[in-house]
Structure formats: structure tokens, C-alpha cells
Amino acid sequence: GTGIFDPLNPTGSYGLDLAAPPDREVLERLLEADRMDEASGIDNFRNVVYEGRAVSFPDGEDIQDWPIPERGVLTFDYVSGKKLPGGAHPIREEALTSFLRSFSSPALSEPTKLTMLRTAATTH
């Protein structure tokens, strides 16, 4: 599937193959996060498309009420209602510039770039 699942910040665009166990696990974790986030009052799953067709939910229902198919491609955007922790602040300009310079190095492997992104996301 497409989209990188980060349980600390699941917001993102996803394309999941429902027949693939890892993709189903991502969907299950997002559904659980959605259930835990009900108090926010927002619709966490947006632009839901199954096999190229938009999925619409009747009034008062959402993806939690939809019977998830065993196979096929499901794409959607997930928006977390999770608030930033107290004391969170934007990254300093010089730190961002330094990060982007390092990140753009062609010598870095994809796993190293992913680690850099995850570290930056949780430390800045």
C-alpha cells in the first residue's frame, strides 16, 4: 500500500490493498484511532474511495459502519484530531534549513531518510 503509517501522527493519504495483511493492519489501527478520537467531532476519514469509486456514508454514519471488503484497493485521507502537546513550538528556521540540506543528499538511503523524518517529527 501507499502512505506511511506513524501511530504518533497518523494524518496522511493512504492507498491500501485490503487483501494484504500489513495494509489491513494499518486500516485497523486507523479505525481504532478514529474510534478513540470520536470526542473531537471531526470526520477523520476523508475522500474515501474503494476500487476507484467514491464511498458515501448515509447521514449519521461513517467508515465505522461500513463493512470493510476482504480485497480491493481503498484510498483515503486520514486527519487526526489529536492536539499538539503543550509547549510544542515550530522548528527554528536554521534547524529546518540544516535538516533539508542533509535530507537532500543523494548518498542517503531511503531507510535513513525515513529515520530522519521520524526523528525530526518527534523532536521538533
Foldseek 3Di string as FASTA:
>chain_A
DDDDADLVFRFDKDKAWLQDVVRVVSVVSLVVLCVVQVVLVDQFWAQKDWQRHTDDDPPPDDPVPDDDDNGTIIITGGHHPDDDDPPDDDDDPVVVVVLVVVLPDPVDDPVRSVVSVVVVVPPD
